[in-house]
């Protein structure tokens, strides 16, 4: 899993376009890099939390791939923690 996480990369052009659209102005490369890094960290933490949800629910079903329900529950818990 670590190797897959380490190899994963967001396309700089996509991140730049999204940030420019949200902020309504052009941003420098270091801002794009920071947003990319934070997004990758957030996605990694969300997936880890979804794995924990999957382990909690394991008694109810066989352990297999992550399901959308696992990710939704992990995001719900994240939002609840963040207030």
PDB file of N, CA and C in Angstrom:
ATOM      1  N   UNK A   1       0.815  -1.198   0.000  1.00  0.00           N
ATOM      2  CA  UNK A   1       0.000   0.000   0.000  1.00  0.00           C
ATOM      3  C   UNK A   1       0.856   1.259   0.000  1.00  0.00           C
ATOM      4  N   UNK A   2       1.957   1.217   0.749  1.00  0.00           N
ATOM      5  CA  UNK A   2       2.802   2.401   0.814  1.00  0.00           C
ATOM      6  C   UNK A   2       3.357   2.747  -0.561  1.00  0.00           C
ATOM      7  N   UNK A   3       3.742   1.739  -1.307  1.00  0.00           N
ATOM      8  CA  UNK A   3       4.290   1.989  -2.640  1.00  0.00           C
ATOM      9  C   UNK A   3       3.257   2.646  -3.541  1.00  0.00           C
ATOM     10  N   UNK A   4       2.021   2.175  -3.460  1.00  0.00           N
ATOM     11  CA  UNK A   4       0.956   2.772  -4.271  1.00  0.00           C
ATOM     12  C   UNK A   4       0.721   4.219  -3.847  1.00  0.00           C
ATOM     13  N   UNK A   5       0.733   4.470  -2.538  1.00  0.00           N
ATOM     14  CA  UNK A   5       0.552   5.830  -2.035  1.00  0.00           C
ATOM     15  C   UNK A   5       1.711   6.714  -2.486  1.00  0.00           C
ATOM     16  N   UNK A   6       2.905   6.172  -2.407  1.00  0.00           N
ATOM     17  CA  UNK A   6       4.095   6.937  -2.764  1.00  0.00           C
ATOM     18  C   UNK A   6       4.118   7.282  -4.254  1.00  0.00           C
ATOM     19  N   UNK A   7       3.638   6.377  -5.097  1.00  0.00           N
ATOM     20  CA  UNK A   7       3.640   6.607  -6.546  1.00  0.00           C
ATOM     21  C   UNK A   7       2.497   7.506  -6.999  1.00  0.00           C
ATOM     22  N   UNK A   8       1.435   7.564  -6.221  1.00  0.00           N
ATOM     23  CA  UNK A   8       0.259   8.342  -6.631  1.00  0.00           C
ATOM     24  C   UNK A   8       0.616   9.822  -6.713  1.00  0.00           C
ATOM     25  N   UNK A   9       0.135  10.462  -7.766  1.00  0.00           N
ATOM     26  CA  UNK A   9       0.417  11.885  -7.957  1.00  0.00           C
ATOM     27  C   UNK A   9      -0.758  12.524  -8.678  1.00  0.00           C
ATOM     28  N   UNK A  10      -1.130  13.702  -8.217  1.00  0.00           N
ATOM     29  CA  UNK A  10      -2.183  14.459  -8.888  1.00  0.00           C
ATOM     30  C   UNK A  10      -1.562  15.241 -10.037  1.00  0.00           C
ATOM     31  N   UNK A  11      -2.281  15.350 -11.120  1.00  0.00           N
ATOM     32  CA  UNK A  11      -1.776  16.119 -12.255  1.00  0.00           C
ATOM     33  C   UNK A  11      -1.735  17.598 -11.876  1.00  0.00           C
ATOM     34  N   UNK A  12      -0.588  18.192 -12.061  1.00  0.00           N
ATOM     35  CA  UNK A  12      -0.399  19.599 -11.709  1.00  0.00           C
ATOM     36  C   UNK A  12      -1.378  20.492 -12.460  1.00  0.00           C
ATOM     37  N   UNK A  13      -1.629  20.185 -13.714  1.00  0.00           N
ATOM     38  CA  UNK A  13      -2.539  21.022 -14.505  1.00  0.00           C
ATOM     39  C   UNK A  13      -3.963  20.972 -13.947  1.00  0.00           C
ATOM     40  N   UNK A  14      -4.386  19.799 -13.486  1.00  0.00           N
ATOM     41  CA  UNK A  14      -5.733  19.682 -12.914  1.00  0.00           C
ATOM     42  C   UNK A  14      -5.849  20.454 -11.604  1.00  0.00           C
ATOM     43  N   UNK A  15      -4.825  20.334 -10.756  1.00  0.00           N
ATOM     44  CA  UNK A  15      -4.842  21.051  -9.477  1.00  0.00           C
ATOM     45  C   UNK A  15      -4.804  22.551  -9.727  1.00  0.00           C
ATOM     46  N   UNK A  16      -3.958  22.986 -10.647  1.00  0.00           N
ATOM     47  CA  UNK A  16      -3.866  24.415 -10.963  1.00  0.00           C
ATOM     48  C   UNK A  16      -5.210  24.952 -11.459  1.00  0.00           C
ATOM     49  N   UNK A  17      -5.854  24.219 -12.353  1.00  0.00           N
ATOM     50  CA  UNK A  17      -7.141  24.654 -12.892  1.00  0.00           C
ATOM     51  C   UNK A  17      -8.193  24.760 -11.782  1.00  0.00           C
ATOM     52  N   UNK A  18      -8.224  23.768 -10.884  1.00  0.00           N
ATOM     53  CA  UNK A  18      -9.199  23.787  -9.798  1.00  0.00           C
ATOM     54  C   UNK A  18      -8.947  24.945  -8.833  1.00  0.00           C
ATOM     55  N   UNK A  19      -7.689  25.140  -8.443  1.00  0.00           N
ATOM     56  CA  UNK A  19      -7.360  26.233  -7.518  1.00  0.00           C
ATOM     57  C   UNK A  19      -7.651  27.579  -8.165  1.00  0.00           C
ATOM     58  N   UNK A  20      -7.297  27.742  -9.425  1.00  0.00           N
ATOM     59  CA  UNK A  20      -7.585  28.993 -10.129  1.00  0.00           C
ATOM     60  C   UNK A  20      -9.084  29.247 -10.193  1.00  0.00           C
ATOM     61  N   UNK A  21      -9.851  28.196 -10.433  1.00  0.00           N
ATOM     62  CA  UNK A  21     -11.305  28.335 -10.521  1.00  0.00           C
ATOM     63  C   UNK A  21     -11.900  28.717  -9.166  1.00  0.00           C
ATOM     64  N   UNK A  22     -11.421  28.093  -8.099  1.00  0.00           N
ATOM     65  CA  UNK A  22     -11.956  28.377  -6.762  1.00  0.00           C
ATOM     66  C   UNK A  22     -11.574  29.780  -6.304  1.00  0.00           C
ATOM     67  N   UNK A  23     -10.319  30.160  -6.514  1.00  0.00           N
ATOM     68  CA  UNK A  23      -9.851  31.464  -6.045  1.00  0.00           C
ATOM     69  C   UNK A  23     -10.157  32.596  -7.011  1.00  0.00           C
ATOM     70  N   UNK A  24     -10.396  32.270  -8.253  1.00  0.00           N
ATOM     71  CA  UNK A  24     -10.697  33.299  -9.236  1.00  0.00           C
ATOM     72  C   UNK A  24      -9.483  34.080  -9.689  1.00  0.00           C
ATOM     73  N   UNK A  25      -8.304  33.530  -9.479  1.00  0.00           N
ATOM     74  CA  UNK A  25      -7.082  34.187  -9.931  1.00  0.00           C
ATOM     75  C   UNK A  25      -6.001  33.140 -10.150  1.00  0.00           C
ATOM     76  N   UNK A  26      -4.980  33.523 -10.861  1.00  0.00           N
ATOM     77  CA  UNK A  26      -3.873  32.616 -11.129  1.00  0.00           C
ATOM     78  C   UNK A  26      -3.003  32.491  -9.882  1.00  0.00           C
ATOM     79  N   UNK A  27      -2.505  31.284  -9.635  1.00  0.00           N
ATOM     80  CA  UNK A  27      -1.685  31.059  -8.443  1.00  0.00           C
ATOM     81  C   UNK A  27      -0.305  30.566  -8.863  1.00  0.00           C
ATOM     82  N   UNK A  28       0.715  30.853  -8.039  1.00  0.00           N
ATOM     83  CA  UNK A  28       2.070  30.397  -8.367  1.00  0.00           C
ATOM     84  C   UNK A  28       2.225  28.882  -8.166  1.00  0.00           C
ATOM     85  N   UNK A  29       3.315  28.362  -8.676  1.00  0.00           N
ATOM     86  CA  UNK A  29       3.563  26.920  -8.636  1.00  0.00           C
ATOM     87  C   UNK A  29       3.672  26.381  -7.212  1.00  0.00           C
ATOM     88  N   UNK A  30       4.218  27.179  -6.283  1.00  0.00           N
ATOM     89  CA  UNK A  30       4.364  26.670  -4.918  1.00  0.00           C
ATOM     90  C   UNK A  30       3.006  26.482  -4.236  1.00  0.00           C
ATOM     91  N   UNK A  31       2.025  27.284  -4.583  1.00  0.00           N
ATOM     92  CA  UNK A  31       0.675  27.104  -4.041  1.00  0.00           C
ATOM     93  C   UNK A  31       0.064  25.820  -4.595  1.00  0.00           C
ATOM     94  N   UNK A  32       0.249  25.580  -5.870  1.00  0.00           N
ATOM     95  CA  UNK A  32      -0.256  24.351  -6.493  1.00  0.00           C
ATOM     96  C   UNK A  32       0.389  23.139  -5.832  1.00  0.00           C
ATOM     97  N   UNK A  33       1.684  23.207  -5.564  1.00  0.00           N
ATOM     98  CA  UNK A  33       2.389  22.110  -4.917  1.00  0.00           C
ATOM     99  C   UNK A  33       1.851  21.871  -3.504  1.00  0.00           C
ATOM    100  N   UNK A  34       1.611  22.946  -2.755  1.00  0.00           N
ATOM    101  CA  UNK A  34       1.088  22.813  -1.396  1.00  0.00           C
ATOM    102  C   UNK A  34      -0.307  22.197  -1.396  1.00  0.00           C
ATOM    103  N   UNK A  35      -1.160  22.640  -2.301  1.00  0.00           N
ATOM    104  CA  UNK A  35      -2.516  22.086  -2.386  1.00  0.00           C
ATOM    105  C   UNK A  35      -2.462  20.615  -2.782  1.00  0.00           C
ATOM    106  N   UNK A  36      -1.585  20.268  -3.698  1.00  0.00           N
ATOM    107  CA  UNK A  36      -1.432  18.869  -4.114  1.00  0.00           C
ATOM    108  C   UNK A  36      -0.987  17.999  -2.945  1.00  0.00           C
ATOM    109  N   UNK A  37      -0.020  18.489  -2.192  1.00  0.00           N
ATOM    110  CA  UNK A  37       0.494  17.721  -1.053  1.00  0.00           C
ATOM    111  C   UNK A  37      -0.583  17.529   0.007  1.00  0.00           C
ATOM    112  N   UNK A  38      -1.311  18.591   0.324  1.00  0.00           N
ATOM    113  CA  UNK A  38      -2.364  18.482   1.335  1.00  0.00           C
ATOM    114  C   UNK A  38      -3.469  17.542   0.864  1.00  0.00           C
ATOM    115  N   UNK A  39      -3.825  17.618  -0.395  1.00  0.00           N
ATOM    116  CA  UNK A  39      -4.869  16.753  -0.939  1.00  0.00           C
ATOM    117  C   UNK A  39      -4.456  15.293  -0.863  1.00  0.00           C
ATOM    118  N   UNK A  40      -3.208  15.014  -1.166  1.00  0.00           N
ATOM    119  CA  UNK A  40      -2.710  13.638  -1.103  1.00  0.00           C
ATOM    120  C   UNK A  40      -2.729  13.134   0.339  1.00  0.00           C
ATOM    121  N   UNK A  41      -2.328  13.962   1.284  1.00  0.00           N
ATOM    122  CA  UNK A  41      -2.373  13.577   2.693  1.00  0.00           C
ATOM    123  C   UNK A  41      -3.802  13.314   3.150  1.00  0.00           C
ATOM    124  N   UNK A  42      -4.715  14.195   2.762  1.00  0.00           N
ATOM    125  CA  UNK A  42      -6.115  14.028   3.145  1.00  0.00           C
ATOM    126  C   UNK A  42      -6.676  12.728   2.586  1.00  0.00           C
ATOM    127  N   UNK A  43      -6.391  12.453   1.328  1.00  0.00           N
ATOM    128  CA  UNK A  43      -6.880  11.216   0.709  1.00  0.00           C
ATOM    129  C   UNK A  43      -6.304   9.995   1.422  1.00  0.00           C
ATOM    130  N   UNK A  44      -5.030  10.045   1.770  1.00  0.00           N
ATOM    131  CA  UNK A  44      -4.408   8.933   2.490  1.00  0.00           C
ATOM    132  C   UNK A  44      -5.040   8.704   3.847  1.00  0.00           C
ATOM    133  N   UNK A  45      -5.288   9.783   4.589  1.00  0.00           N
ATOM    134  CA  UNK A  45      -5.923   9.658   5.899  1.00  0.00           C
ATOM    135  C   UNK A  45      -7.348   9.149   5.779  1.00  0.00           C
ATOM    136  N   UNK A  46      -8.057   9.610   4.767  1.00  0.00           N
ATOM    137  CA  UNK A  46      -9.428   9.155   4.560  1.00  0.00           C
ATOM    138  C   UNK A  46      -9.458   7.659   4.242  1.00  0.00           C
ATOM    139  N   UNK A  47      -8.534   7.201   3.437  1.00  0.00           N
ATOM    140  CA  UNK A  47      -8.479   5.778   3.100  1.00  0.00           C
ATOM    141  C   UNK A  47      -8.103   4.948   4.324  1.00  0.00           C
ATOM    142  N   UNK A  48      -7.169   5.441   5.147  1.00  0.00           N
ATOM    143  CA  UNK A  48      -6.831   4.729   6.382  1.00  0.00           C
ATOM    144  C   UNK A  48      -8.043   4.629   7.297  1.00  0.00           C
ATOM    145  N   UNK A  49      -8.786   5.717   7.427  1.00  0.00           N
ATOM    146  CA  UNK A  49      -9.990   5.701   8.259  1.00  0.00           C
ATOM    147  C   UNK A  49     -11.030   4.748   7.686  1.00  0.00           C
ATOM    148  N   UNK A  50     -11.138   4.699   6.369  1.00  0.00           N
ATOM    149  CA  UNK A  50     -12.083   3.775   5.736  1.00  0.00           C
ATOM    150  C   UNK A  50     -11.674   2.331   5.996  1.00  0.00           C
ATOM    151  N   UNK A  51     -10.380   2.050   6.021  1.00  0.00           N
ATOM    152  CA  UNK A  51      -9.906   0.702   6.360  1.00  0.00           C
ATOM    153  C   UNK A  51     -10.288   0.351   7.798  1.00  0.00           C
ATOM    154  N   UNK A  52     -10.199   1.330   8.713  1.00  0.00           N
ATOM    155  CA  UNK A  52     -10.606   1.092  10.100  1.00  0.00           C
ATOM    156  C   UNK A  52     -12.095   0.796  10.179  1.00  0.00           C
ATOM    157  N   UNK A  53     -12.886   1.544   9.433  1.00  0.00           N
ATOM    158  CA  UNK A  53     -14.329   1.292   9.384  1.00  0.00           C
ATOM    159  C   UNK A  53     -14.580  -0.110   8.854  1.00  0.00           C
ATOM    160  N   UNK A  54     -13.868  -0.476   7.817  1.00  0.00           N
ATOM    161  CA  UNK A  54     -14.024  -1.809   7.234  1.00  0.00           C
ATOM    162  C   UNK A  54     -13.700  -2.883   8.274  1.00  0.00           C
ATOM    163  N   UNK A  55     -12.643  -2.679   9.063  1.00  0.00           N
ATOM    164  CA  UNK A  55     -12.273  -3.653  10.092  1.00  0.00           C
ATOM    165  C   UNK A  55     -13.345  -3.745  11.170  1.00  0.00           C
ATOM    166  N   UNK A  56     -13.946  -2.612  11.534  1.00  0.00           N
ATOM    167  CA  UNK A  56     -15.023  -2.617  12.526  1.00  0.00           C
ATOM    168  C   UNK A  56     -16.239  -3.374  12.014  1.00  0.00           C
ATOM    169  N   UNK A  57     -16.514  -3.217  10.749  1.00  0.00           N
ATOM    170  CA  UNK A  57     -17.690  -3.854  10.155  1.00  0.00           C
ATOM    171  C   UNK A  57     -17.389  -5.269   9.681  1.00  0.00           C
ATOM    172  N   UNK A  58     -16.154  -5.728   9.874  1.00  0.00           N
ATOM    173  CA  UNK A  58     -15.727  -7.021   9.350  1.00  0.00           C
ATOM    174  C   UNK A  58     -16.579  -8.167   9.873  1.00  0.00           C
ATOM    175  N   UNK A  59     -17.047  -8.075  11.106  1.00  0.00           N
ATOM    176  CA  UNK A  59     -17.863  -9.147  11.674  1.00  0.00           C
ATOM    177  C   UNK A  59     -19.150  -9.337  10.877  1.00  0.00           C
ATOM    178  N   UNK A  60     -19.621  -8.258  10.276  1.00  0.00           N
ATOM    179  CA  UNK A  60     -20.878  -8.319   9.528  1.00  0.00           C
ATOM    180  C   UNK A  60     -20.698  -8.878   8.125  1.00  0.00           C
ATOM    181  N   UNK A  61     -19.518  -8.719   7.545  1.00  0.00           N
ATOM    182  CA  UNK A  61     -19.294  -9.206   6.187  1.00  0.00           C
ATOM    183  C   UNK A  61     -17.831  -9.583   6.011  1.00  0.00           C
ATOM    184  N   UNK A  62     -17.531 -10.299   4.969  1.00  0.00           N
ATOM    185  CA  UNK A  62     -16.151 -10.689   4.683  1.00  0.00           C
ATOM    186  C   UNK A  62     -15.335  -9.469   4.291  1.00  0.00           C
ATOM    187  N   UNK A  63     -14.057  -9.513   4.651  1.00  0.00           N
ATOM    188  CA  UNK A  63     -13.173  -8.398   4.298  1.00  0.00           C
ATOM    189  C   UNK A  63     -12.786  -8.508   2.827  1.00  0.00           C
ATOM    190  N   UNK A  64     -13.026  -7.461   2.108  1.00  0.00           N
ATOM    191  CA  UNK A  64     -12.716  -7.415   0.686  1.00  0.00           C
ATOM    192  C   UNK A  64     -12.234  -6.026   0.345  1.00  0.00           C
ATOM    193  N   UNK A  65     -12.554  -5.533  -0.812  1.00  0.00           N
ATOM    194  CA  UNK A  65     -12.135  -4.183  -1.182  1.00  0.00           C
ATOM    195  C   UNK A  65     -12.930  -3.136  -0.403  1.00  0.00           C
ATOM    196  N   UNK A  66     -12.381  -1.935  -0.340  1.00  0.00           N
ATOM    197  CA  UNK A  66     -13.120  -0.836   0.277  1.00  0.00           C
ATOM    198  C   UNK A  66     -14.367  -0.556  -0.545  1.00  0.00           C
ATOM    199  N   UNK A  67     -15.441  -0.294   0.146  1.00  0.00           N
ATOM    200  CA  UNK A  67     -16.698   0.031  -0.513  1.00  0.00           C
ATOM    201  C   UNK A  67     -16.994   1.516  -0.331  1.00  0.00           C
ATOM    202  N   UNK A  68     -17.837   2.077  -1.170  1.00  0.00           N
ATOM    203  CA  UNK A  68     -18.219   3.480  -0.997  1.00  0.00           C
ATOM    204  C   UNK A  68     -18.783   3.762   0.397  1.00  0.00           C
ATOM    205  N   UNK A  69     -19.473   2.781   0.974  1.00  0.00           N
ATOM    206  CA  UNK A  69     -20.014   2.970   2.326  1.00  0.00           C
ATOM    207  C   UNK A  69     -18.905   3.173   3.352  1.00  0.00           C
ATOM    208  N   UNK A  70     -17.799   2.472   3.198  1.00  0.00           N
ATOM    209  CA  UNK A  70     -16.671   2.646   4.113  1.00  0.00           C
ATOM    210  C   UNK A  70     -16.115   4.068   4.005  1.00  0.00           C
ATOM    211  N   UNK A  71     -15.965   4.547   2.789  1.00  0.00           N
ATOM    212  CA  UNK A  71     -15.444   5.902   2.583  1.00  0.00           C
ATOM    213  C   UNK A  71     -16.414   6.957   3.096  1.00  0.00           C
ATOM    214  N   UNK A  72     -17.704   6.747   2.862  1.00  0.00           N
ATOM    215  CA  UNK A  72     -18.701   7.712   3.351  1.00  0.00           C
ATOM    216  C   UNK A  72     -18.688   7.785   4.874  1.00  0.00           C
ATOM    217  N   UNK A  73     -18.604   6.623   5.522  1.00  0.00           N
ATOM    218  CA  UNK A  73     -18.576   6.600   6.982  1.00  0.00           C
ATOM    219  C   UNK A  73     -17.303   7.254   7.508  1.00  0.00           C
ATOM    220  N   UNK A  74     -16.180   7.009   6.862  1.00  0.00           N
ATOM    221  CA  UNK A  74     -14.921   7.639   7.272  1.00  0.00           C
ATOM    222  C   UNK A  74     -15.009   9.156   7.125  1.00  0.00           C
ATOM    223  N   UNK A  75     -15.607   9.631   6.038  1.00  0.00           N
ATOM    224  CA  UNK A  75     -15.763  11.072   5.838  1.00  0.00           C
ATOM    225  C   UNK A  75     -16.733  11.660   6.857  1.00  0.00           C
ATOM    226  N   UNK A  76     -17.797  10.932   7.168  1.00  0.00           N
ATOM    227  CA  UNK A  76     -18.754  11.400   8.176  1.00  0.00           C
ATOM    228  C   UNK A  76     -18.062  11.557   9.526  1.00  0.00           C
ATOM    229  N   UNK A  77     -17.247  10.575   9.902  1.00  0.00           N
ATOM    230  CA  UNK A  77     -16.518  10.642  11.178  1.00  0.00           C
ATOM    231  C   UNK A  77     -15.508  11.778  11.171  1.00  0.00           C
ATOM    232  N   UNK A  78     -14.855  11.999  10.039  1.00  0.00           N
ATOM    233  CA  UNK A  78     -13.896  13.097   9.919  1.00  0.00           C
ATOM    234  C   UNK A  78     -14.595  14.440  10.137  1.00  0.00           C
ATOM    235  N   UNK A  79     -15.728  14.619   9.482  1.00  0.00           N
ATOM    236  CA  UNK A  79     -16.472  15.874   9.629  1.00  0.00           C
ATOM    237  C   UNK A  79     -16.958  16.059  11.056  1.00  0.00           C
ATOM    238  N   UNK A  80     -17.351  14.977  11.703  1.00  0.00           N
ATOM    239  CA  UNK A  80     -17.823  15.054  13.085  1.00  0.00           C
ATOM    240  C   UNK A  80     -16.680  15.467  14.018  1.00  0.00           C
ATOM    241  N   UNK A  81     -15.485  14.911  13.794  1.00  0.00           N
ATOM    242  CA  UNK A  81     -14.316  15.262  14.605  1.00  0.00           C
ATOM    243  C   UNK A  81     -13.907  16.713  14.407  1.00  0.00           C
ATOM    244  N   UNK A  82     -13.975  17.183  13.165  1.00  0.00           N
ATOM    245  CA  UNK A  82     -13.521  18.531  12.837  1.00  0.00           C
ATOM    246  C   UNK A  82     -14.526  19.601  13.238  1.00  0.00           C
ATOM    247  N   UNK A  83     -15.698  19.189  13.625  1.00  0.00           N
ATOM    248  CA  UNK A  83     -16.684  20.118  14.139  1.00  0.00           C
ATOM    249  C   UNK A  83     -17.548  20.707  13.132  1.00  0.00           C
TER     250      UNK A  83
END
